[in-house]
């Protein structure tokens, strides 16, 4: 069975739920507009390097974790979108 990565917003939502914290409260803590966090949680916005740095600092994690979550999700979605076209590409021969 293939692994389907979650949007990082799902992970962020879980973490906030564990803390009993709202998106608006986190936004205040990391000094960003509330809609940025809300849109990430809704899967309508990507985690940027700026946001990853802020989340990493606040959660005490590496910002790379947040960017890797985003990258995994984006690669999965791109593969779903262009899968058949990708299969038609032959690897370069050495």
N, C-alpha and C. Protein backbone atom coordinates (compact mmCIF):
# COMPACT_ATOMS: atom_id res chain seq x y z
N UNK A 1 0.85 -1.19 0.00
CA UNK A 1 0.00 0.00 0.00
C UNK A 1 0.89 1.25 0.00
N UNK A 2 0.61 2.18 -0.88
CA UNK A 2 1.42 3.39 -1.02
C UNK A 2 1.15 4.37 0.11
N UNK A 3 2.19 5.08 0.45
CA UNK A 3 2.11 6.10 1.49
C UNK A 3 1.51 7.37 0.89
N UNK A 4 0.51 7.91 1.53
CA UNK A 4 -0.11 9.17 1.11
C UNK A 4 0.20 10.22 2.16
N UNK A 5 1.09 11.18 1.83
CA UNK A 5 1.43 12.19 2.82
C UNK A 5 0.26 13.14 3.10
N UNK A 6 0.18 13.56 4.32
CA UNK A 6 -0.83 14.54 4.72
C UNK A 6 -0.33 15.94 4.40
N UNK A 7 -1.25 16.85 4.16
CA UNK A 7 -0.87 18.25 4.05
C UNK A 7 -0.34 18.66 5.43
N UNK A 8 0.72 19.47 5.48
CA UNK A 8 1.26 19.89 6.77
C UNK A 8 0.23 20.56 7.68
N UNK A 9 -0.80 21.12 7.08
CA UNK A 9 -1.86 21.74 7.87
C UNK A 9 -2.57 20.74 8.76
N UNK A 10 -2.67 19.49 8.30
CA UNK A 10 -3.27 18.44 9.13
C UNK A 10 -2.43 18.19 10.38
N UNK A 11 -1.13 18.15 10.18
CA UNK A 11 -0.20 17.93 11.30
C UNK A 11 -0.29 19.10 12.27
N UNK A 12 -0.27 20.31 11.70
CA UNK A 12 -0.35 21.51 12.53
C UNK A 12 -1.65 21.54 13.32
N UNK A 13 -2.74 21.18 12.68
CA UNK A 13 -4.04 21.14 13.36
C UNK A 13 -4.02 20.15 14.53
N UNK A 14 -3.42 18.97 14.30
CA UNK A 14 -3.32 17.97 15.38
C UNK A 14 -2.52 18.52 16.56
N UNK A 15 -1.40 19.16 16.24
CA UNK A 15 -0.55 19.71 17.31
C UNK A 15 -1.30 20.77 18.11
N UNK A 16 -2.02 21.63 17.41
CA UNK A 16 -2.79 22.67 18.10
C UNK A 16 -3.88 22.05 18.96
N UNK A 17 -4.52 21.00 18.44
CA UNK A 17 -5.55 20.30 19.21
C UNK A 17 -4.98 19.71 20.49
N UNK A 18 -3.80 19.12 20.40
CA UNK A 18 -3.14 18.55 21.58
C UNK A 18 -2.86 19.62 22.63
N UNK A 19 -2.57 20.82 22.14
CA UNK A 19 -2.24 21.93 23.05
C UNK A 19 -3.48 22.72 23.48
N UNK A 20 -4.63 22.42 22.89
CA UNK A 20 -5.84 23.18 23.19
C UNK A 20 -5.72 24.62 22.75
N UNK A 21 -5.10 24.81 21.61
CA UNK A 21 -4.77 26.16 21.13
C UNK A 21 -5.45 26.41 19.79
N UNK A 22 -5.84 27.64 19.54
CA UNK A 22 -6.47 28.00 18.26
C UNK A 22 -5.42 28.48 17.27
N UNK A 23 -5.81 28.52 16.00
CA UNK A 23 -4.94 29.04 14.95
C UNK A 23 -4.59 30.50 15.22
N UNK A 24 -5.56 31.26 15.69
CA UNK A 24 -5.33 32.68 15.98
C UNK A 24 -4.31 32.85 17.10
N UNK A 25 -4.38 31.98 18.11
CA UNK A 25 -3.42 32.07 19.21
C UNK A 25 -2.01 31.75 18.72
N UNK A 26 -1.88 30.71 17.90
CA UNK A 26 -0.56 30.38 17.36
C UNK A 26 -0.03 31.51 16.49
N UNK A 27 -0.90 32.08 15.68
CA UNK A 27 -0.50 33.19 14.81
C UNK A 27 0.07 34.34 15.64
N UNK A 28 -0.58 34.64 16.75
CA UNK A 28 -0.06 35.71 17.62
C UNK A 28 1.31 35.33 18.17
N UNK A 29 1.46 34.09 18.57
CA UNK A 29 2.72 33.62 19.15
C UNK A 29 3.89 33.70 18.17
N UNK A 30 3.61 33.41 16.90
CA UNK A 30 4.69 33.39 15.90
C UNK A 30 4.72 34.65 15.03
N UNK A 31 3.88 35.62 15.40
CA UNK A 31 3.88 36.95 14.76
C UNK A 31 3.57 36.90 13.26
N UNK A 32 2.47 36.22 12.92
CA UNK A 32 1.99 36.20 11.54
C UNK A 32 0.49 36.50 11.54
N UNK A 33 -0.07 36.91 10.40
CA UNK A 33 -1.51 37.12 10.35
C UNK A 33 -2.26 35.81 10.63
N UNK A 34 -3.37 35.91 11.32
CA UNK A 34 -4.15 34.72 11.69
C UNK A 34 -4.58 33.92 10.47
N UNK A 35 -4.88 34.61 9.37
CA UNK A 35 -5.35 33.88 8.19
C UNK A 35 -4.25 32.99 7.60
N UNK A 36 -2.99 33.30 7.85
CA UNK A 36 -1.91 32.45 7.34
C UNK A 36 -2.00 31.06 7.97
N UNK A 37 -2.13 31.02 9.29
CA UNK A 37 -2.22 29.74 9.98
C UNK A 37 -3.52 29.03 9.63
N UNK A 38 -4.62 29.77 9.58
CA UNK A 38 -5.92 29.17 9.23
C UNK A 38 -5.90 28.56 7.83
N UNK A 39 -5.28 29.26 6.89
CA UNK A 39 -5.21 28.76 5.51
C UNK A 39 -4.31 27.52 5.41
N UNK A 40 -3.23 27.49 6.18
CA UNK A 40 -2.38 26.30 6.20
C UNK A 40 -3.17 25.12 6.74
N UNK A 41 -3.87 25.33 7.84
CA UNK A 41 -4.66 24.25 8.45
C UNK A 41 -5.74 23.76 7.49
N UNK A 42 -6.32 24.66 6.72
CA UNK A 42 -7.37 24.29 5.75
C UNK A 42 -6.80 23.66 4.48
N UNK A 43 -5.47 23.60 4.37
CA UNK A 43 -4.85 23.03 3.18
C UNK A 43 -4.87 23.94 1.98
N UNK A 44 -5.12 25.23 2.22
CA UNK A 44 -5.22 26.21 1.13
C UNK A 44 -3.94 27.02 0.96
N UNK A 45 -2.96 26.78 1.82
CA UNK A 45 -1.72 27.53 1.77
C UNK A 45 -0.57 26.60 2.11
N UNK A 46 0.55 26.83 1.46
CA UNK A 46 1.75 26.03 1.73
C UNK A 46 2.55 26.62 2.87
N UNK A 47 3.36 25.79 3.47
CA UNK A 47 4.30 26.27 4.48
C UNK A 47 5.54 26.77 3.75
N UNK A 48 5.84 28.03 3.93
CA UNK A 48 7.00 28.66 3.31
C UNK A 48 8.19 28.55 4.26
N UNK A 49 9.37 28.92 3.76
CA UNK A 49 10.56 28.93 4.62
C UNK A 49 10.35 29.86 5.82
N UNK A 50 9.73 31.00 5.58
CA UNK A 50 9.46 31.95 6.66
C UNK A 50 8.60 31.31 7.75
N UNK A 51 7.52 30.67 7.33
CA UNK A 51 6.62 30.04 8.30
C UNK A 51 7.31 28.86 8.98
N UNK A 52 8.09 28.09 8.22
CA UNK A 52 8.81 26.94 8.80
C UNK A 52 9.78 27.40 9.89
N UNK A 53 10.46 28.50 9.65
CA UNK A 53 11.38 29.03 10.67
C UNK A 53 10.62 29.41 11.94
N UNK A 54 9.48 30.05 11.77
CA UNK A 54 8.68 30.48 12.91
C UNK A 54 8.10 29.30 13.68
N UNK A 55 7.55 28.32 12.94
CA UNK A 55 6.98 27.15 13.60
C UNK A 55 8.06 26.33 14.29
N UNK A 56 9.19 26.17 13.62
CA UNK A 56 10.30 25.43 14.21
C UNK A 56 10.77 26.06 15.51
N UNK A 57 10.88 27.36 15.50
CA UNK A 57 11.32 28.08 16.72
C UNK A 57 10.29 27.89 17.84
N UNK A 58 9.02 28.07 17.53
CA UNK A 58 7.99 28.01 18.56
C UNK A 58 7.80 26.60 19.10
N UNK A 59 7.78 25.60 18.20
CA UNK A 59 7.57 24.22 18.64
C UNK A 59 8.85 23.56 19.15
N UNK A 60 9.99 24.23 18.96
CA UNK A 60 11.26 23.65 19.39
C UNK A 60 11.70 22.51 18.48
N UNK A 61 11.36 22.62 17.20
CA UNK A 61 11.73 21.61 16.21
C UNK A 61 12.58 22.27 15.13
N UNK A 62 13.09 21.45 14.25
CA UNK A 62 13.82 21.99 13.11
C UNK A 62 12.83 22.55 12.09
N UNK A 63 13.14 23.69 11.48
CA UNK A 63 12.27 24.19 10.41
C UNK A 63 12.24 23.22 9.23
N UNK A 64 13.31 22.41 9.11
CA UNK A 64 13.37 21.44 8.02
C UNK A 64 12.22 20.44 8.08
N UNK A 65 11.78 20.11 9.27
CA UNK A 65 10.66 19.17 9.42
C UNK A 65 9.44 19.71 8.69
N UNK A 66 9.14 20.98 8.93
CA UNK A 66 7.95 21.58 8.32
C UNK A 66 8.08 21.67 6.80
N UNK A 67 9.29 22.02 6.34
CA UNK A 67 9.50 22.10 4.89
C UNK A 67 9.47 20.72 4.24
N UNK A 68 9.99 19.71 4.92
CA UNK A 68 9.95 18.35 4.37
C UNK A 68 8.52 17.83 4.29
N UNK A 69 7.70 18.15 5.28
CA UNK A 69 6.29 17.78 5.22
C UNK A 69 5.63 18.41 3.99
N UNK A 70 5.92 19.70 3.77
CA UNK A 70 5.34 20.41 2.63
C UNK A 70 5.84 19.81 1.32
N UNK A 71 7.15 19.57 1.23
CA UNK A 71 7.73 19.03 0.00
C UNK A 71 7.18 17.64 -0.31
N UNK A 72 7.07 16.79 0.68
CA UNK A 72 6.51 15.45 0.47
C UNK A 72 5.10 15.53 -0.07
N UNK A 73 4.31 16.42 0.51
CA UNK A 73 2.92 16.59 0.06
C UNK A 73 2.88 17.09 -1.39
N UNK A 74 3.70 18.10 -1.70
CA UNK A 74 3.69 18.67 -3.05
C UNK A 74 4.16 17.67 -4.10
N UNK A 75 5.20 16.89 -3.78
CA UNK A 75 5.67 15.88 -4.73
C UNK A 75 4.61 14.82 -4.97
N UNK A 76 3.94 14.41 -3.92
CA UNK A 76 2.87 13.42 -4.05
C UNK A 76 1.75 13.97 -4.95
N UNK A 77 1.34 15.20 -4.70
CA UNK A 77 0.26 15.79 -5.48
C UNK A 77 0.67 15.97 -6.95
N UNK A 78 1.92 16.37 -7.18
CA UNK A 78 2.41 16.53 -8.56
C UNK A 78 2.43 15.18 -9.27
N UNK A 79 2.87 14.13 -8.56
CA UNK A 79 2.90 12.80 -9.17
C UNK A 79 1.48 12.34 -9.53
N UNK A 80 0.51 12.66 -8.68
CA UNK A 80 -0.88 12.31 -8.98
C UNK A 80 -1.37 13.05 -10.22
N UNK A 81 -0.94 14.30 -10.35
CA UNK A 81 -1.38 15.15 -11.46
C UNK A 81 -0.75 14.74 -12.79
N UNK A 82 0.54 14.43 -12.78
CA UNK A 82 1.24 14.19 -14.05
C UNK A 82 1.73 12.75 -14.20
N UNK A 83 1.23 11.85 -13.40
CA UNK A 83 1.71 10.47 -13.36
C UNK A 83 1.93 9.82 -14.71
N UNK A 84 0.92 9.80 -15.58
CA UNK A 84 1.06 9.13 -16.87
C UNK A 84 2.07 9.83 -17.77
N UNK A 85 2.10 11.14 -17.73
CA UNK A 85 3.08 11.89 -18.52
C UNK A 85 4.49 11.59 -18.03
N UNK A 86 4.65 11.44 -16.74
CA UNK A 86 5.95 11.15 -16.15
C UNK A 86 6.45 9.78 -16.59
N UNK A 87 5.54 8.82 -16.69
CA UNK A 87 5.92 7.47 -17.12
C UNK A 87 6.44 7.44 -18.55
N UNK A 88 6.04 8.40 -19.37
CA UNK A 88 6.47 8.44 -20.77
C UNK A 88 7.87 9.03 -20.93
N UNK A 89 8.42 9.59 -19.87
CA UNK A 89 9.76 10.18 -19.95
C UNK A 89 10.79 9.08 -19.73
N UNK A 90 11.69 8.95 -20.70
CA UNK A 90 12.77 7.96 -20.57
C UNK A 90 13.96 8.61 -19.88
N UNK A 91 14.58 7.89 -18.94
CA UNK A 91 15.75 8.45 -18.27
C UNK A 91 16.89 8.67 -19.28
N UNK A 92 17.68 9.68 -19.05
CA UNK A 92 18.83 9.99 -19.89
C UNK A 92 19.82 8.84 -19.82
N UNK A 93 20.35 8.47 -20.95
CA UNK A 93 21.35 7.40 -21.00
C UNK A 93 22.73 8.01 -20.85
N UNK A 94 23.57 7.38 -20.05
CA UNK A 94 24.93 7.90 -19.79
C UNK A 94 25.82 7.77 -21.00
